[in-house]
PDB file of N, CA and C in Angstrom:
ATOM      1  N   MET A   1     110.265  81.556 105.864  1.00  0.00           N
ATOM      2  CA  MET A   1     109.670  82.774 104.614  1.00  0.00           C
ATOM      3  C   MET A   1     110.600  83.320 103.778  1.00  0.00           C
ATOM      4  N   VAL A   2     110.226  84.881 102.948  1.00  0.00           N
ATOM      5  CA  VAL A   2     111.032  84.922 102.551  1.00  0.00           C
ATOM      6  C   VAL A   2     112.032  86.477 103.152  1.00  0.00           C
ATOM      7  N   ASP A   3     113.424  86.474 103.196  1.00  0.00           N
ATOM      8  CA  ASP A   3     114.277  87.941 103.810  1.00  0.00           C
ATOM      9  C   ASP A   3     113.218  89.019 103.083  1.00  0.00           C
ATOM     10  N   PRO A   4     113.091  90.078 103.808  1.00  0.00           N
ATOM     11  CA  PRO A   4     113.028  91.588 103.610  1.00  0.00           C
ATOM     12  C   PRO A   4     114.205  91.959 102.721  1.00  0.00           C
ATOM     13  N   GLN A   5     113.256  92.376 101.553  1.00  0.00           N
ATOM     14  CA  GLN A   5     114.448  93.421 100.506  1.00  0.00           C
ATOM     15  C   GLN A   5     114.029  94.766 100.530  1.00  0.00           C
ATOM     16  N   PRO A   6     115.129  95.721  99.720  1.00  0.00           N
ATOM     17  CA  PRO A   6     114.616  96.901  99.855  1.00  0.00           C
ATOM     18  C   PRO A   6     112.937  96.986  98.761  1.00  0.00           C
ATOM     19  N   TYR A   7     112.448  97.952  99.273  1.00  0.00           N
ATOM     20  CA  TYR A   7     111.301  98.694  99.343  1.00  0.00           C
ATOM     21  C   TYR A   7     110.359  97.947 100.184  1.00  0.00           C
ATOM     22  N   ASP A   8     110.683  96.503 100.290  1.00  0.00           N
ATOM     23  CA  ASP A   8     109.552  96.626 101.097  1.00  0.00           C
ATOM     24  C   ASP A   8     109.068  96.594 102.107  1.00  0.00           C
ATOM     25  N   GLN A   9     107.965  97.579 102.484  1.00  0.00           N
ATOM     26  CA  GLN A   9     107.333  98.057 103.925  1.00  0.00           C
ATOM     27  C   GLN A   9     107.435  97.198 105.002  1.00  0.00           C
ATOM     28  N   VAL A  10     108.056  97.849 106.346  1.00  0.00           N
ATOM     29  CA  VAL A  10     107.964  97.011 107.369  1.00  0.00           C
ATOM     30  C   VAL A  10     107.073  97.382 108.649  1.00  0.00           C
ATOM     31  N   ARG A  11     106.630  96.809 109.692  1.00  0.00           N
ATOM     32  CA  ARG A  11     106.588  96.933 110.612  1.00  0.00           C
ATOM     33  C   ARG A  11     107.290  96.706 111.857  1.00  0.00           C
ATOM     34  N   LEU A  12     107.699  97.340 112.482  1.00  0.00           N
ATOM     35  CA  LEU A  12     108.763  97.334 113.699  1.00  0.00           C
ATOM     36  C   LEU A  12     108.239  96.910 114.985  1.00  0.00           C
ATOM     37  N   ASN A  13     108.867  95.838 115.717  1.00  0.00           N
ATOM     38  CA  ASN A  13     108.399  95.233 117.093  1.00  0.00           C
ATOM     39  C   ASN A  13     108.791  96.411 117.828  1.00  0.00           C
ATOM     40  N   PRO A  14     107.495  96.283 119.004  1.00  0.00           N
ATOM     41  CA  PRO A  14     107.584  97.364 119.794  1.00  0.00           C
ATOM     42  C   PRO A  14     109.142  97.967 120.394  1.00  0.00           C
ATOM     43  N   ALA A  15     109.325  99.182 120.533  1.00  0.00           N
ATOM     44  CA  ALA A  15     110.577 100.279 120.832  1.00  0.00           C
ATOM     45  C   ALA A  15     111.614  99.824 120.069  1.00  0.00           C
ATOM     46  N   ALA A  16     111.583  98.718 118.778  1.00  0.00           N
ATOM     47  CA  ALA A  16     112.677  99.030 118.028  1.00  0.00           C
ATOM     48  C   ALA A  16     113.193 100.615 117.356  1.00  0.00           C
ATOM     49  N   ALA A  17     114.194 100.919 116.883  1.00  0.00           N
ATOM     50  CA  ALA A  17     114.112 102.217 116.677  1.00  0.00           C
ATOM     51  C   ALA A  17     113.725 102.975 116.945  1.00  0.00           C
ATOM     52  N   GLY A  18     113.343 103.363 118.107  1.00  0.00           N
ATOM     53  CA  GLY A  18     112.684 104.149 119.138  1.00  0.00           C
ATOM     54  C   GLY A  18     111.565 105.413 117.957  1.00  0.00           C
ATOM     55  N   ILE A  19     110.733 104.369 117.264  1.00  0.00           N
ATOM     56  CA  ILE A  19     109.737 104.962 116.563  1.00  0.00           C
ATOM     57  C   ILE A  19     108.361 104.749 117.272  1.00  0.00           C
ATOM     58  N   THR A  20     107.515 105.018 116.923  1.00  0.00           N
ATOM     59  CA  THR A  20     105.911 104.793 117.718  1.00  0.00           C
ATOM     60  C   THR A  20     105.675 103.540 116.963  1.00  0.00           C
ATOM     61  N   PRO A  21     105.279 102.581 117.959  1.00  0.00           N
ATOM     62  CA  PRO A  21     104.771 101.128 117.574  1.00  0.00           C
ATOM     63  C   PRO A  21     103.895 101.669 115.987  1.00  0.00           C
ATOM     64  N   GLY A  22     103.689 100.460 115.376  1.00  0.00           N
ATOM     65  CA  GLY A  22     103.024 100.461 114.216  1.00  0.00           C
ATOM     66  C   GLY A  22     103.196 101.586 113.375  1.00  0.00           C
ATOM     67  N   THR A  23     104.155 102.109 113.018  1.00  0.00           N
ATOM     68  CA  THR A  23     105.115 103.139 112.378  1.00  0.00           C
ATOM     69  C   THR A  23     105.640 102.257 111.185  1.00  0.00           C
ATOM     70  N   VAL A  24     104.627 102.800 109.997  1.00  0.00           N
ATOM     71  CA  VAL A  24     105.334 101.860 108.617  1.00  0.00           C
ATOM     72  C   VAL A  24     106.468 102.705 108.252  1.00  0.00           C
ATOM     73  N   VAL A  25     107.173 101.492 108.076  1.00  0.00           N
ATOM     74  CA  VAL A  25     108.834 102.509 107.387  1.00  0.00           C
ATOM     75  C   VAL A  25     109.179 101.664 106.385  1.00  0.00           C
ATOM     76  N   VAL A  26     110.256 101.821 105.488  1.00  0.00           N
ATOM     77  CA  VAL A  26     110.541 101.489 104.356  1.00  0.00           C
ATOM     78  C   VAL A  26     111.924 100.921 104.056  1.00  0.00           C
ATOM     79  N   ILE A  27     112.176  99.474 103.879  1.00  0.00           N
ATOM     80  CA  ILE A  27     113.686  98.871 104.176  1.00  0.00           C
ATOM     81  C   ILE A  27     114.287  99.908 102.752  1.00  0.00           C
ATOM     82  N   ALA A  28     115.643 100.592 102.979  1.00  0.00           N
ATOM     83  CA  ALA A  28     116.315 101.464 101.966  1.00  0.00           C
ATOM     84  C   ALA A  28     117.195 100.680 101.497  1.00  0.00           C
ATOM     85  N   ASP A  29     117.953  99.741 102.031  1.00  0.00           N
ATOM     86  CA  ASP A  29     119.096  98.845 101.908  1.00  0.00           C
ATOM     87  C   ASP A  29     119.337  97.912 102.783  1.00  0.00           C
ATOM     88  N   THR A  30     120.327  97.023 102.452  1.00  0.00           N
ATOM     89  CA  THR A  30     121.053  96.029 103.337  1.00  0.00           C
ATOM     90  C   THR A  30     122.062  96.905 103.859  1.00  0.00           C
ATOM     91  N   VAL A  31     122.380  96.222 104.930  1.00  0.00           N
ATOM     92  CA  VAL A  31     123.894  96.776 105.622  1.00  0.00           C
ATOM     93  C   VAL A  31     125.000  96.025 104.721  1.00  0.00           C
ATOM     94  N   ASP A  32     126.078  96.331 104.324  1.00  0.00           N
ATOM     95  CA  ASP A  32     127.390  95.617 104.015  1.00  0.00           C
ATOM     96  C   ASP A  32     127.882  94.674 105.042  1.00  0.00           C
ATOM     97  N   ASP A  33     128.252  93.674 104.871  1.00  0.00           N
ATOM     98  CA  ASP A  33     129.264  93.122 105.552  1.00  0.00           C
ATOM     99  C   ASP A  33     128.541  92.808 107.038  1.00  0.00           C
ATOM    100  N   GLU A  34     126.830  92.734 106.775  1.00  0.00           N
ATOM    101  CA  GLU A  34     126.027  92.572 108.217  1.00  0.00           C
ATOM    102  C   GLU A  34     124.646  91.712 107.814  1.00  0.00           C
ATOM    103  N   PRO A  35     125.068  91.103 107.591  1.00  0.00           N
ATOM    104  CA  PRO A  35     123.492  89.530 107.089  1.00  0.00           C
ATOM    105  C   PRO A  35     122.535  90.118 108.216  1.00  0.00           C
ATOM    106  N   GLY A  36     121.465  90.018 107.533  1.00  0.00           N
ATOM    107  CA  GLY A  36     120.598  90.475 108.780  1.00  0.00           C
ATOM    108  C   GLY A  36     120.139  91.674 108.961  1.00  0.00           C
ATOM    109  N   ALA A  37     120.763  92.991 108.844  1.00  0.00           N
ATOM    110  CA  ALA A  37     120.815  94.214 109.062  1.00  0.00           C
ATOM    111  C   ALA A  37     120.326  94.824 107.840  1.00  0.00           C
ATOM    112  N   TYR A  38     119.547  95.820 108.031  1.00  0.00           N
ATOM    113  CA  TYR A  38     119.041  96.640 106.966  1.00  0.00           C
ATOM    114  C   TYR A  38     118.777  98.082 107.571  1.00  0.00           C
ATOM    115  N   VAL A  39     119.174  99.357 106.618  1.00  0.00           N
ATOM    116  CA  VAL A  39     118.384 100.264 106.680  1.00  0.00           C
ATOM    117  C   VAL A  39     117.183 101.144 106.261  1.00  0.00           C
ATOM    118  N   VAL A  40     116.557 101.364 107.341  1.00  0.00           N
ATOM    119  CA  VAL A  40     115.423 101.693 107.073  1.00  0.00           C
ATOM    120  C   VAL A  40     114.798 103.579 107.029  1.00  0.00           C
ATOM    121  N   TRP A  41     113.502 103.663 106.376  1.00  0.00           N
ATOM    122  CA  TRP A  41     113.459 105.125 106.117  1.00  0.00           C
ATOM    123  C   TRP A  41     111.756 105.317 106.421  1.00  0.00           C
ATOM    124  N   HIS A  42     111.464 106.348 107.028  1.00  0.00           N
ATOM    125  CA  HIS A  42     109.853 106.645 107.201  1.00  0.00           C
ATOM    126  C   HIS A  42     109.873 106.708 105.492  1.00  0.00           C
ATOM    127  N   LEU A  43     108.279 106.248 105.128  1.00  0.00           N
ATOM    128  CA  LEU A  43     107.426 106.694 104.341  1.00  0.00           C
ATOM    129  C   LEU A  43     107.779 107.803 103.745  1.00  0.00           C
ATOM    130  N   GLU A  44     107.286 108.325 102.418  1.00  0.00           N
ATOM    131  CA  GLU A  44     107.473 109.970 101.775  1.00  0.00           C
ATOM    132  C   GLU A  44     106.715 110.929 102.444  1.00  0.00           C
ATOM    133  N   ASP A  45     105.723 110.189 102.675  1.00  0.00           N
ATOM    134  CA  ASP A  45     104.377 111.200 103.415  1.00  0.00           C
ATOM    135  C   ASP A  45     104.505 111.494 104.931  1.00  0.00           C
ATOM    136  N   HIS A  46     105.634 110.675 105.277  1.00  0.00           N
ATOM    137  CA  HIS A  46     106.077 111.419 106.824  1.00  0.00           C
ATOM    138  C   HIS A  46     106.712 112.822 107.004  1.00  0.00           C
ATOM    139  N   PRO A  47     106.379 113.273 108.328  1.00  0.00           N
ATOM    140  CA  PRO A  47     107.108 114.959 108.260  1.00  0.00           C
ATOM    141  C   PRO A  47     108.232 114.282 108.501  1.00  0.00           C
ATOM    142  N   ASP A  48     108.944 113.373 109.417  1.00  0.00           N
ATOM    143  CA  ASP A  48     109.998 112.750 109.594  1.00  0.00           C
ATOM    144  C   ASP A  48     111.318 112.477 108.321  1.00  0.00           C
ATOM    145  N   TYR A  49     110.182 112.291 106.677  1.00  0.00           N
ATOM    146  CA  TYR A  49     111.317 111.254 105.790  1.00  0.00           C
ATOM    147  C   TYR A  49     112.431 111.669 105.885  1.00  0.00           C
ATOM    148  N   GLN A  50     113.104 113.210 105.579  1.00  0.00           N
ATOM    149  CA  GLN A  50     114.427 114.001 105.063  1.00  0.00           C
ATOM    150  C   GLN A  50     114.943 113.607 106.547  1.00  0.00           C
ATOM    151  N   ASP A  51     114.686 113.604 107.694  1.00  0.00           N
ATOM    152  CA  ASP A  51     115.391 113.702 108.443  1.00  0.00           C
ATOM    153  C   ASP A  51     115.448 112.301 109.750  1.00  0.00           C
ATOM    154  N   TRP A  52     115.483 111.567 109.221  1.00  0.00           N
ATOM    155  CA  TRP A  52     115.297 109.995 109.465  1.00  0.00           C
ATOM    156  C   TRP A  52     115.482 108.947 109.060  1.00  0.00           C
ATOM    157  N   ALA A  53     116.598 107.980 109.758  1.00  0.00           N
ATOM    158  CA  ALA A  53     117.062 106.895 109.173  1.00  0.00           C
ATOM    159  C   ALA A  53     117.965 106.080 110.535  1.00  0.00           C
ATOM    160  N   ALA A  54     117.383 104.418 110.218  1.00  0.00           N
ATOM    161  CA  ALA A  54     118.015 103.741 111.386  1.00  0.00           C
ATOM    162  C   ALA A  54     118.460 102.559 110.871  1.00  0.00           C
ATOM    163  N   THR A  55     119.130 101.701 111.204  1.00  0.00           N
ATOM    164  CA  THR A  55     119.570 100.400 111.039  1.00  0.00           C
ATOM    165  C   THR A  55     119.062  99.413 111.886  1.00  0.00           C
ATOM    166  N   VAL A  56     118.196  98.382 111.650  1.00  0.00           N
ATOM    167  CA  VAL A  56     117.657  97.590 112.278  1.00  0.00           C
ATOM    168  C   VAL A  56     118.111  96.098 111.803  1.00  0.00           C
ATOM    169  N   THR A  57     117.654  95.043 112.638  1.00  0.00           N
ATOM    170  CA  THR A  57     117.941  94.228 112.024  1.00  0.00           C
ATOM    171  C   THR A  57     116.525  93.029 112.022  1.00  0.00           C
ATOM    172  N   ALA A  58     116.568  92.119 111.264  1.00  0.00           N
ATOM    173  CA  ALA A  58     115.760  90.963 110.974  1.00  0.00           C
ATOM    174  C   ALA A  58     115.124  90.811 112.278  1.00  0.00           C
ATOM    175  N   ALA A  59     115.581  90.485 113.409  1.00  0.00           N
ATOM    176  CA  ALA A  59     114.588  90.413 114.968  1.00  0.00           C
ATOM    177  C   ALA A  59     113.723  91.712 115.386  1.00  0.00           C
ATOM    178  N   ASP A  60     114.245  93.028 114.236  1.00  0.00           N
ATOM    179  CA  ASP A  60     113.390  94.036 114.971  1.00  0.00           C
ATOM    180  C   ASP A  60     112.081  94.008 114.253  1.00  0.00           C
ATOM    181  N   ILE A  61     112.395  93.528 112.922  1.00  0.00           N
ATOM    182  CA  ILE A  61     111.188  93.318 112.359  1.00  0.00           C
ATOM    183  C   ILE A  61     109.837  92.335 112.897  1.00  0.00           C
ATOM    184  N   HIS A  62     108.374  92.961 112.631  1.00  0.00           N
ATOM    185  CA  HIS A  62     107.519  92.128 113.103  1.00  0.00           C
ATOM    186  C   HIS A  62     106.480  91.614 111.896  1.00  0.00           C
ATOM    187  N   THR A  63     106.497  92.784 111.148  1.00  0.00           N
ATOM    188  CA  THR A  63     106.012  92.266 109.688  1.00  0.00           C
ATOM    189  C   THR A  63     106.594  92.799 108.191  1.00  0.00           C
ATOM    190  N   ILE A  64     106.346  92.644 107.673  1.00  0.00           N
ATOM    191  CA  ILE A  64     107.090  92.420 106.186  1.00  0.00           C
ATOM    192  C   ILE A  64     105.980  92.795 105.048  1.00  0.00           C
ATOM    193  N   THR A  65     105.723  93.485 104.653  1.00  0.00           N
ATOM    194  CA  THR A  65     104.905  93.599 103.100  1.00  0.00           C
ATOM    195  C   THR A  65     105.206  94.189 102.063  1.00  0.00           C
ATOM    196  N   ARG A  66     105.374  93.068 100.885  1.00  0.00           N
ATOM    197  CA  ARG A  66     105.975  93.410  99.614  1.00  0.00           C
ATOM    198  C   ARG A  66     104.886  93.785  98.808  1.00  0.00           C
ATOM    199  N   ILE A  67     104.875  94.709  97.814  1.00  0.00           N
ATOM    200  CA  ILE A  67     103.907  95.184  96.952  1.00  0.00           C
ATOM    201  C   ILE A  67     104.938  95.296  95.332  1.00  0.00           C
ATOM    202  N   THR A  68     104.177  94.306  94.376  1.00  0.00           N
ATOM    203  CA  THR A  68     104.904  93.981  93.183  1.00  0.00           C
ATOM    204  C   THR A  68     104.897  94.957  92.336  1.00  0.00           C
ATOM    205  N   ALA A  69     105.088  94.922  91.301  1.00  0.00           N
ATOM    206  CA  ALA A  69     105.264  95.838  90.080  1.00  0.00           C
ATOM    207  C   ALA A  69     103.924  95.760  89.429  1.00  0.00           C
ATOM    208  N   THR A  70     103.435  94.352  89.410  1.00  0.00           N
ATOM    209  CA  THR A  70     101.982  93.926  88.604  1.00  0.00           C
ATOM    210  C   THR A  70     100.906  94.861  89.900  1.00  0.00           C
ATOM    211  N   GLY A  71     101.359  95.109  91.754  1.00  0.00           N
ATOM    212  CA  GLY A  71     100.187  95.307  91.996  1.00  0.00           C
ATOM    213  C   GLY A  71      99.894  94.207  93.176  1.00  0.00           C
ATOM    214  N   ASP A  72     100.433  93.559  93.481  1.00  0.00           N
ATOM    215  CA  ASP A  72     100.277  92.234  94.282  1.00  0.00           C
ATOM    216  C   ASP A  72     100.870  92.617  95.449  1.00  0.00           C
ATOM    217  N   VAL A  73      99.823  92.318  96.541  1.00  0.00           N
ATOM    218  CA  VAL A  73     100.567  92.402  98.266  1.00  0.00           C
ATOM    219  C   VAL A  73     100.780  90.658  98.795  1.00  0.00           C
ATOM    220  N   ARG A  74     101.490  91.338  99.104  1.00  0.00           N
ATOM    221  CA  ARG A  74     101.764  89.807 100.223  1.00  0.00           C
ATOM    222  C   ARG A  74     102.702  90.354 101.369  1.00  0.00           C
ATOM    223  N   ALA A  75     101.784  89.948 102.563  1.00  0.00           N
ATOM    224  CA  ALA A  75     102.481  90.510 103.724  1.00  0.00           C
ATOM    225  C   ALA A  75     102.701  89.171 104.838  1.00  0.00           C
ATOM    226  N   TRP A  76     103.840  89.325 105.618  1.00  0.00           N
ATOM    227  CA  TRP A  76     104.246  87.987 106.419  1.00  0.00           C
ATOM    228  C   TRP A  76     105.006  88.449 108.000  1.00  0.00           C
ATOM    229  N   THR A  77     104.768  87.430 108.699  1.00  0.00           N
ATOM    230  CA  THR A  77     105.872  87.541 109.788  1.00  0.00           C
ATOM    231  C   THR A  77     106.908  86.703 109.502  1.00  0.00           C
ATOM    232  N   PRO A  78     108.270  87.615 109.580  1.00  0.00           N
ATOM    233  CA  PRO A  78     109.756  86.940 109.807  1.00  0.00           C
ATOM    234  C   PRO A  78     109.742  85.708 110.301  1.00  0.00           C
ATOM    235  N   SER A  79     110.229  84.440 109.999  1.00  0.00           N
ATOM    236  CA  SER A  79     111.158  83.571 110.884  1.00  0.00           C
ATOM    237  C   SER A  79     111.844  84.016 111.698  1.00  0.00           C
ATOM    238  N   PRO A  80     112.134  83.538 113.204  1.00  0.00           N
ATOM    239  CA  PRO A  80     113.209  83.629 114.172  1.00  0.00           C
ATOM    240  C   PRO A  80     114.063  83.089 113.410  1.00  0.00           C
TER     241      PRO A  80
END
């Protein structure tokens, strides 16, 4: 399928980045010189929004959700 991109919302695999399973985070950016690595933040309405960030790999991502400018929503599980 398609690799995650900044602004995609993701759910991580259990224990990834030390957050509660099922928590939705947003991909803030890619990591230069580290293909398949992403900086993630909590969503704006999360209490730790401004106090937390993590770097995860594509293998840490369980589900990707992309919301387009036209409001289309597509969700998928990345392939290994």
